C-alpha cells in the first residue's frame, strides 16, 4: 500500500509513477501474484480511493481500475522476464 500512496503523491511527475509501477510489478511477480489476485483487489481498492477522495467519480474509478489491470499485465510480463 505504500507504493500506491507514492503513486498518488507523485502523479504530477510522470517518471516517478513509472518507476513505482515497475518496482511494484517486479516485487509482485517474484511472489507469483496472479492476475486473478489483482482482479479480486480492484473493487476494495477503488472503494478505498473513493473514501479517501470523499466523493464518487466514475471516470476516476474507471481510471483506477485500468491502472490495476495494467499492473496485472506488467506483473505477467515481469514473470516472463524473471524466468
C-alpha atoms as a PDB file:
ATOM      1  CA  UNK A   1       0.000   0.000   0.000  1.00  0.00           C
ATOM      2  CA  UNK A   2       2.965   2.335   0.442  1.00  0.00           C
ATOM      3  CA  UNK A   3       3.649   2.076  -3.278  1.00  0.00           C
ATOM      4  CA  UNK A   4       0.048   3.033  -4.065  1.00  0.00           C
ATOM      5  CA  UNK A   5       0.405   6.057  -1.801  1.00  0.00           C
ATOM      6  CA  UNK A   6       3.621   7.025  -3.604  1.00  0.00           C
ATOM      7  CA  UNK A   7       1.869   6.783  -6.982  1.00  0.00           C
ATOM      8  CA  UNK A   8      -0.907   9.079  -5.788  1.00  0.00           C
ATOM      9  CA  UNK A   9       1.539  11.578  -4.305  1.00  0.00           C
ATOM     10  CA  UNK A  10       3.675  11.685  -7.446  1.00  0.00           C
ATOM     11  CA  UNK A  11       1.051  11.872 -10.184  1.00  0.00           C
ATOM     12  CA  UNK A  12       2.370  15.233 -11.387  1.00  0.00           C
ATOM     13  CA  UNK A  13       5.811  13.747 -12.099  1.00  0.00           C
ATOM     14  CA  UNK A  14       5.446  11.215 -14.925  1.00  0.00           C
ATOM     15  CA  UNK A  15       8.737   9.411 -14.261  1.00  0.00           C
ATOM     16  CA  UNK A  16       8.110   8.541 -10.606  1.00  0.00           C
ATOM     17  CA  UNK A  17       4.853   6.596 -11.165  1.00  0.00           C
ATOM     18  CA  UNK A  18       6.584   4.576 -13.906  1.00  0.00           C
ATOM     19  CA  UNK A  19       9.416   3.657 -11.543  1.00  0.00           C
ATOM     20  CA  UNK A  20       6.971   2.776  -8.776  1.00  0.00           C
ATOM     21  CA  UNK A  21       4.835   0.657 -11.132  1.00  0.00           C
ATOM     22  CA  UNK A  22       7.937  -1.175 -12.296  1.00  0.00           C
ATOM     23  CA  UNK A  23       9.040  -1.842  -8.699  1.00  0.00           C
ATOM     24  CA  UNK A  24       5.534  -2.995  -7.681  1.00  0.00           C
ATOM     25  CA  UNK A  25       5.311  -5.309 -10.665  1.00  0.00           C
ATOM     26  CA  UNK A  26       8.700  -6.945 -10.148  1.00  0.00           C
ATOM     27  CA  UNK A  27       8.014  -7.469  -6.442  1.00  0.00           C
ATOM     28  CA  UNK A  28       4.595  -9.000  -7.100  1.00  0.00           C
ATOM     29  CA  UNK A  29       5.978 -11.162  -9.924  1.00  0.00           C
ATOM     30  CA  UNK A  30       8.602 -12.590  -7.560  1.00  0.00           C
ATOM     31  CA  UNK A  31       5.801 -13.515  -5.155  1.00  0.00           C
ATOM     32  CA  UNK A  32       3.913 -15.174  -8.031  1.00  0.00           C
ATOM     33  CA  UNK A  33       0.906 -12.861  -7.737  1.00  0.00           C
ATOM     34  CA  UNK A  34      -1.622 -13.887 -10.385  1.00  0.00           C
ATOM     35  CA  UNK A  35      -3.967 -11.723 -12.444  1.00  0.00           C
ATOM     36  CA  UNK A  36      -6.955 -13.125 -10.557  1.00  0.00           C
ATOM     37  CA  UNK A  37      -5.416 -11.885  -7.282  1.00  0.00           C
ATOM     38  CA  UNK A  38      -5.243  -8.357  -8.681  1.00  0.00           C
ATOM     39  CA  UNK A  39      -8.796  -8.650 -10.048  1.00  0.00           C
ATOM     40  CA  UNK A  40     -10.064  -9.510  -6.552  1.00  0.00           C
ATOM     41  CA  UNK A  41      -8.310  -6.429  -5.142  1.00  0.00           C
ATOM     42  CA  UNK A  42      -9.661  -3.891  -7.636  1.00  0.00           C
ATOM     43  CA  UNK A  43     -13.095  -3.300  -6.088  1.00  0.00           C
ATOM     44  CA  UNK A  44     -11.861  -2.876  -2.469  1.00  0.00           C
ATOM     45  CA  UNK A  45      -9.008  -0.613  -3.594  1.00  0.00           C
ATOM     46  CA  UNK A  46     -11.332   1.571  -5.668  1.00  0.00           C
ATOM     47  CA  UNK A  47     -13.684   1.793  -2.668  1.00  0.00           C
ATOM     48  CA  UNK A  48     -10.758   2.976  -0.531  1.00  0.00           C
ATOM     49  CA  UNK A  49      -9.825   5.581  -3.136  1.00  0.00           C
ATOM     50  CA  UNK A  50     -13.455   6.759  -3.184  1.00  0.00           C
ATOM     51  CA  UNK A  51     -13.471   7.082   0.609  1.00  0.00           C
ATOM     52  CA  UNK A  52     -10.146   8.924   0.563  1.00  0.00           C
ATOM     53  CA  UNK A  53     -11.449  11.384  -2.044  1.00  0.00           C
ATOM     54  CA  UNK A  54     -14.742  11.776  -0.210  1.00  0.00           C
ATOM     55  CA  UNK A  55     -16.777  11.503  -3.391  1.00  0.00           C
ATOM     56  CA  UNK A  56     -17.685   9.191  -6.220  1.00  0.00           C
ATOM     57  CA  UNK A  57     -16.310   9.954  -9.675  1.00  0.00           C
ATOM     58  CA  UNK A  58     -16.997   7.253 -12.258  1.00  0.00           C
ATOM     59  CA  UNK A  59     -14.232   8.435 -14.590  1.00  0.00           C
ATOM     60  CA  UNK A  60     -11.685   8.385 -11.780  1.00  0.00           C
ATOM     61  CA  UNK A  61     -12.852   4.946 -10.668  1.00  0.00           C
ATOM     62  CA  UNK A  62     -12.507   3.588 -14.208  1.00  0.00           C
ATOM     63  CA  UNK A  63      -9.024   5.098 -14.363  1.00  0.00           C
ATOM     64  CA  UNK A  64      -8.038   3.326 -11.133  1.00  0.00           C
ATOM     65  CA  UNK A  65      -9.489   0.055 -12.424  1.00  0.00           C
ATOM     66  CA  UNK A  66      -7.445   0.492 -15.601  1.00  0.00           C
ATOM     67  CA  UNK A  67      -4.329   1.184 -13.527  1.00  0.00           C
ATOM     68  CA  UNK A  68      -4.761  -2.028 -11.529  1.00  0.00           C
ATOM     69  CA  UNK A  69      -5.429  -4.024 -14.692  1.00  0.00           C
ATOM     70  CA  UNK A  70      -2.274  -2.520 -16.190  1.00  0.00           C
ATOM     71  CA  UNK A  71      -0.294  -3.525 -13.104  1.00  0.00           C
ATOM     72  CA  UNK A  72      -1.576  -7.096 -13.558  1.00  0.00           C
ATOM     73  CA  UNK A  73      -0.358  -7.085 -17.170  1.00  0.00           C
ATOM     74  CA  UNK A  74       3.051  -5.707 -16.182  1.00  0.00           C
ATOM     75  CA  UNK A  75       3.349  -8.362 -13.454  1.00  0.00           C
ATOM     76  CA  UNK A  76       2.748 -11.095 -16.038  1.00  0.00           C
ATOM     77  CA  UNK A  77       5.383  -9.530 -18.301  1.00  0.00           C
ATOM     78  CA  UNK A  78       7.853  -9.361 -15.391  1.00  0.00           C
ATOM     79  CA  UNK A  79       7.269 -13.035 -14.598  1.00  0.00           C
ATOM     80  CA  UNK A  80       8.310 -13.961 -18.136  1.00  0.00           C
ATOM     81  CA  UNK A  81      11.479 -11.887 -17.905  1.00  0.00           C
ATOM     82  CA  UNK A  82      12.384 -13.360 -14.490  1.00  0.00           C
ATOM     83  CA  UNK A  83      12.398 -16.924 -15.848  1.00  0.00           C
END
